[in-house]
Amino acid sequence: EIILVTGVQTCALPISDISQARGMGGKAEAASIYAVLDELLELTAAKDASLLEAGLRRHASIIRTCRGAVGETVLHLCFLFGSPVHKVLATHLVKVFGVELIDAEYSGPEYHGEVAMHIALVNKDVEAVRFLVEAGADVVRPRADGLFFKKEEVYFGEYPLSFAACLNLFELVELFAAHGANANAQDSQGNTALHMLVVGRSRARQAPPASGARDMPSPWP
């Protein structure tokens, strides 16, 4: 699975699950979404905006309605894999499909409620979060409350504001508050963002030092 430098698992689809779904074929819907993602990544890598836009229009129905093996969208997969080409594709998906795709939730029980914002937060990608907010992402209602998030090591409080507090991303706490996030909102365990701030500080004290990340040019506008 994808692992953060802090040793906490990401709140997203494990790579092994995607590989398994592809290898077995899975449902036609899941096969379609992975095939479309592969094609769009090739078009993105070709750096021809007109071809990419044509591809997005051609596959608009699949992008809007189809889900992968555990209920993920194409945009979720872009944020999950997070390579430079995935991030560039994500910017085009957001531009074309807007909040309809930005606020689309994982539909399966394991990752229920997770949106692209949650993945960006766990990856501590501040620029990606700002990009989503500027594009109109809902920072108030999304709740990552699937079975995966009941595990102690990946419990972040469900709401984007609580995720930011738990991960010590204080500039994003301020950003979400400025966009209407409620600091007193309680998750399914009765915890608020303040409770998750305490949890996050406790985890930070116990975590090993993070290794330095490689500097990469930002793909976000």
Protein backbone atom coordinates (compact mmCIF):
# COMPACT_ATOMS: atom_id res chain seq x y z
CA GLU A 1 0.00 0.00 0.00
CA ILE A 2 0.98 3.64 -0.30
CA ILE A 3 2.78 4.65 2.92
CA LEU A 4 3.36 8.17 4.20
CA VAL A 5 6.83 9.11 5.47
CA THR A 6 5.31 9.21 8.93
CA GLY A 7 4.49 5.53 8.63
CA VAL A 8 0.73 6.09 8.46
CA GLN A 9 -1.15 4.40 5.62
CA THR A 10 -2.87 6.70 3.19
CA CYS A 11 -6.63 6.85 3.19
CA ALA A 12 -6.92 5.68 -0.37
CA LEU A 13 -6.97 2.64 -2.59
CA PRO A 14 -3.95 0.34 -2.15
CA ILE A 15 -1.94 -0.18 -5.33
CA SER A 16 -2.27 -3.96 -4.92
CA ASP A 17 -6.06 -3.67 -5.11
CA ILE A 18 -5.84 -1.79 -8.41
CA SER A 19 -3.41 -4.33 -9.84
CA GLN A 20 -5.60 -7.20 -8.72
CA ALA A 21 -8.69 -5.62 -10.23
CA ARG A 22 -6.88 -5.13 -13.53
CA GLY A 23 -5.44 -8.63 -13.54
CA MET A 24 -8.80 -10.30 -12.85
CA GLY A 25 -10.75 -8.03 -15.16
CA GLY A 26 -13.32 -7.32 -12.46
CA LYS A 27 -16.62 -5.70 -13.33
CA ALA A 28 -16.94 -4.09 -16.74
CA GLU A 29 -17.37 -0.73 -15.07
CA ALA A 30 -14.08 -1.02 -13.18
CA ALA A 31 -12.27 -2.22 -16.29
CA SER A 32 -13.63 0.77 -18.20
CA ILE A 33 -12.41 3.34 -15.70
CA TYR A 34 -8.89 1.92 -15.60
CA ALA A 35 -8.71 1.75 -19.40
CA VAL A 36 -9.88 5.36 -19.67
CA LEU A 37 -7.32 6.47 -17.10
CA ASP A 38 -4.51 4.79 -19.05
CA GLU A 39 -5.61 6.48 -22.27
CA LEU A 40 -5.92 9.90 -20.65
CA LEU A 41 -2.48 9.57 -19.07
CA GLU A 42 -0.99 8.83 -22.50
CA LEU A 43 -2.72 11.90 -23.94
CA THR A 44 -1.53 14.02 -21.02
CA ALA A 45 2.06 12.83 -21.45
CA ALA A 46 1.88 13.75 -25.15
CA LYS A 47 1.37 17.38 -24.09
CA ASP A 48 -1.26 18.04 -26.75
CA ALA A 49 -4.09 19.92 -25.06
CA SER A 50 -6.51 19.54 -27.97
CA LEU A 51 -6.12 15.75 -28.02
CA LEU A 52 -6.56 15.56 -24.25
CA GLU A 53 -9.66 17.73 -24.32
CA ALA A 54 -11.09 15.51 -27.06
CA GLY A 55 -10.37 12.45 -24.92
CA LEU A 56 -12.10 14.00 -21.93
CA ARG A 57 -15.17 14.76 -24.02
CA ARG A 58 -15.16 11.29 -25.56
CA HIS A 59 -15.09 9.59 -22.16
CA ALA A 60 -17.21 12.13 -20.28
CA SER A 61 -19.91 9.63 -19.37
CA ILE A 62 -17.44 7.12 -17.89
CA ILE A 63 -15.58 9.86 -16.02
CA ARG A 64 -18.81 11.18 -14.51
CA THR A 65 -20.57 7.95 -13.63
CA CYS A 66 -18.26 4.91 -13.56
CA ARG A 67 -16.44 3.67 -10.49
CA GLY A 68 -13.48 1.38 -9.92
CA ALA A 69 -13.15 -1.75 -7.83
CA VAL A 70 -13.75 -0.02 -4.49
CA GLY A 71 -15.90 2.90 -5.64
CA GLU A 72 -13.22 5.32 -6.82
CA THR A 73 -13.37 7.83 -9.68
CA VAL A 74 -10.69 8.74 -12.22
CA LEU A 75 -9.91 11.87 -10.18
CA HIS A 76 -9.45 9.84 -7.00
CA LEU A 77 -6.90 7.68 -8.82
CA CYS A 78 -5.02 10.74 -10.07
CA PHE A 79 -4.67 12.05 -6.53
CA LEU A 80 -3.84 8.62 -5.19
CA PHE A 81 -0.97 7.91 -7.58
CA GLY A 82 0.16 11.54 -7.47
CA SER A 83 2.87 11.48 -10.15
CA PRO A 84 3.48 14.71 -12.12
CA VAL A 85 1.49 13.41 -15.11
CA HIS A 86 -1.38 12.29 -12.84
CA LYS A 87 -1.46 15.75 -11.28
CA VAL A 88 -1.53 17.49 -14.67
CA LEU A 89 -4.40 15.23 -15.75
CA ALA A 90 -6.18 16.09 -12.49
CA THR A 91 -6.04 19.80 -13.31
CA HIS A 92 -7.73 19.14 -16.66
CA LEU A 93 -10.37 16.91 -15.08
CA VAL A 94 -11.17 19.63 -12.56
CA LYS A 95 -11.30 22.28 -15.27
CA VAL A 96 -13.72 20.29 -17.42
CA PHE A 97 -15.93 18.58 -14.81
CA GLY A 98 -15.69 21.00 -11.87
CA VAL A 99 -17.27 20.33 -8.49
CA GLU A 100 -19.29 17.42 -9.86
CA LEU A 101 -16.05 15.42 -9.91
CA ILE A 102 -14.16 17.29 -7.19
CA ASP A 103 -16.81 16.47 -4.58
CA ALA A 104 -17.55 12.96 -5.85
CA GLU A 105 -17.19 10.45 -3.00
CA TYR A 106 -15.88 6.92 -2.92
CA SER A 107 -19.06 4.86 -3.12
CA GLY A 108 -17.89 1.54 -1.65
CA PRO A 109 -18.14 0.70 2.06
CA GLU A 110 -14.36 0.52 2.67
CA TYR A 111 -13.53 4.12 1.70
CA HIS A 112 -17.03 5.58 1.80
CA GLY A 113 -17.22 9.36 1.77
CA GLU A 114 -13.61 10.01 0.79
CA VAL A 115 -13.13 12.77 -1.78
CA ALA A 116 -10.04 14.04 -3.59
CA MET A 117 -9.57 16.62 -0.84
CA HIS A 118 -9.02 13.90 1.78
CA ILE A 119 -6.33 12.25 -0.33
CA ALA A 120 -4.53 15.57 -0.88
CA LEU A 121 -4.65 16.24 2.86
CA VAL A 122 -3.17 12.88 3.85
CA ASN A 123 -0.44 13.42 1.26
CA LYS A 124 0.13 16.83 2.88
CA ASP A 125 -0.05 18.41 -0.56
CA VAL A 126 -0.92 21.95 0.45
CA GLU A 127 -0.86 23.29 -3.10
CA ALA A 128 -3.25 20.58 -4.27
CA VAL A 129 -5.65 21.41 -1.43
CA ARG A 130 -5.54 25.11 -2.31
CA PHE A 131 -6.12 24.26 -5.95
CA LEU A 132 -9.23 22.24 -5.06
CA VAL A 133 -10.58 24.97 -2.78
CA GLU A 134 -10.10 27.60 -5.47
CA ALA A 135 -11.92 25.30 -7.91
CA GLY A 136 -14.94 25.24 -5.60
CA ALA A 137 -14.43 22.13 -3.47
CA ASP A 138 -16.83 21.68 -0.57
CA VAL A 139 -14.82 21.88 2.67
CA VAL A 140 -17.84 21.59 4.97
CA ARG A 141 -19.78 18.40 4.23
CA PRO A 142 -17.45 15.64 2.96
CA ARG A 143 -16.92 12.89 5.55
CA ALA A 144 -14.52 10.00 5.05
CA ASP A 145 -16.42 7.53 7.22
CA GLY A 146 -15.82 4.19 5.49
CA LEU A 147 -14.64 1.05 7.28
CA PHE A 148 -11.00 1.81 6.45
CA PHE A 149 -11.13 5.02 8.48
CA LYS A 150 -12.30 3.22 11.60
CA LYS A 151 -8.77 1.86 12.06
CA GLU A 152 -6.93 3.78 14.75
CA GLU A 153 -3.85 4.50 12.64
CA VAL A 154 -5.87 6.04 9.79
CA TYR A 155 -8.59 7.76 11.77
CA PHE A 156 -8.37 11.49 11.06
CA GLY A 157 -11.79 12.74 12.12
CA GLU A 158 -13.72 12.36 8.83
CA TYR A 159 -14.12 16.06 7.96
CA PRO A 160 -11.48 17.97 5.92
CA LEU A 161 -11.02 20.42 8.80
CA SER A 162 -10.38 17.56 11.22
CA PHE A 163 -7.95 15.93 8.79
CA ALA A 164 -6.01 19.20 8.55
CA ALA A 165 -5.96 19.60 12.35
CA CYS A 166 -4.88 16.00 12.94
CA LEU A 167 -2.10 16.31 10.35
CA ASN A 168 -0.89 19.62 11.81
CA LEU A 169 -1.63 21.51 8.59
CA PHE A 170 -2.54 24.71 10.37
CA GLU A 171 -2.56 26.98 7.32
CA LEU A 172 -5.22 24.70 5.85
CA VAL A 173 -7.19 24.77 9.10
CA GLU A 174 -7.37 28.55 8.66
CA LEU A 175 -8.24 28.17 4.96
CA PHE A 176 -11.10 25.77 5.66
CA ALA A 177 -12.42 27.92 8.50
CA ALA A 178 -12.41 30.92 6.15
CA HIS A 179 -14.54 28.89 3.73
CA GLY A 180 -17.16 27.96 6.30
CA ALA A 181 -15.88 24.76 7.90
CA ASN A 182 -17.40 24.22 11.34
CA ALA A 183 -14.82 23.61 14.09
CA ASN A 184 -17.56 22.20 16.32
CA ALA A 185 -18.83 19.59 13.85
CA GLN A 186 -18.70 16.13 15.40
CA ASP A 187 -17.79 13.02 13.47
CA SER A 188 -19.33 9.56 14.01
CA GLN A 189 -17.19 9.10 17.13
CA GLY A 190 -18.23 12.43 18.58
CA ASN A 191 -14.89 14.13 17.96
CA THR A 192 -14.36 17.66 16.68
CA ALA A 193 -11.38 19.28 14.96
CA LEU A 194 -10.00 20.26 18.37
CA HIS A 195 -10.03 16.64 19.50
CA MET A 196 -8.21 15.66 16.31
CA LEU A 197 -5.61 18.34 16.90
CA VAL A 198 -4.74 16.63 20.18
CA VAL A 199 -4.61 13.25 18.44
CA GLY A 200 -2.35 14.66 15.75
CA ARG A 201 0.09 16.15 18.21
CA SER A 202 0.29 12.86 20.06
CA ARG A 203 1.04 11.01 16.83
CA ALA A 204 3.66 13.56 15.82
CA ARG A 205 5.54 13.04 19.07
CA GLN A 206 5.60 9.29 18.47
CA ALA A 207 6.49 9.37 14.77
CA PRO A 208 10.08 8.91 13.53
CA PRO A 209 11.74 11.91 11.83
CA ALA A 210 10.59 12.31 8.23
CA SER A 211 13.15 12.02 5.47
CA GLY A 212 13.61 15.02 3.21
CA ALA A 213 11.29 15.11 0.21
CA ARG A 214 12.64 15.72 -3.26
CA ASP A 215 11.87 19.19 -4.59
CA MET A 216 9.56 18.94 -7.59
CA PRO A 217 8.09 21.75 -9.70
CA SER A 218 4.45 22.25 -8.86
CA PRO A 219 1.93 21.12 -11.51
CA TRP A 220 -0.91 23.00 -9.84
CA PRO A 221 -1.93 26.30 -11.48
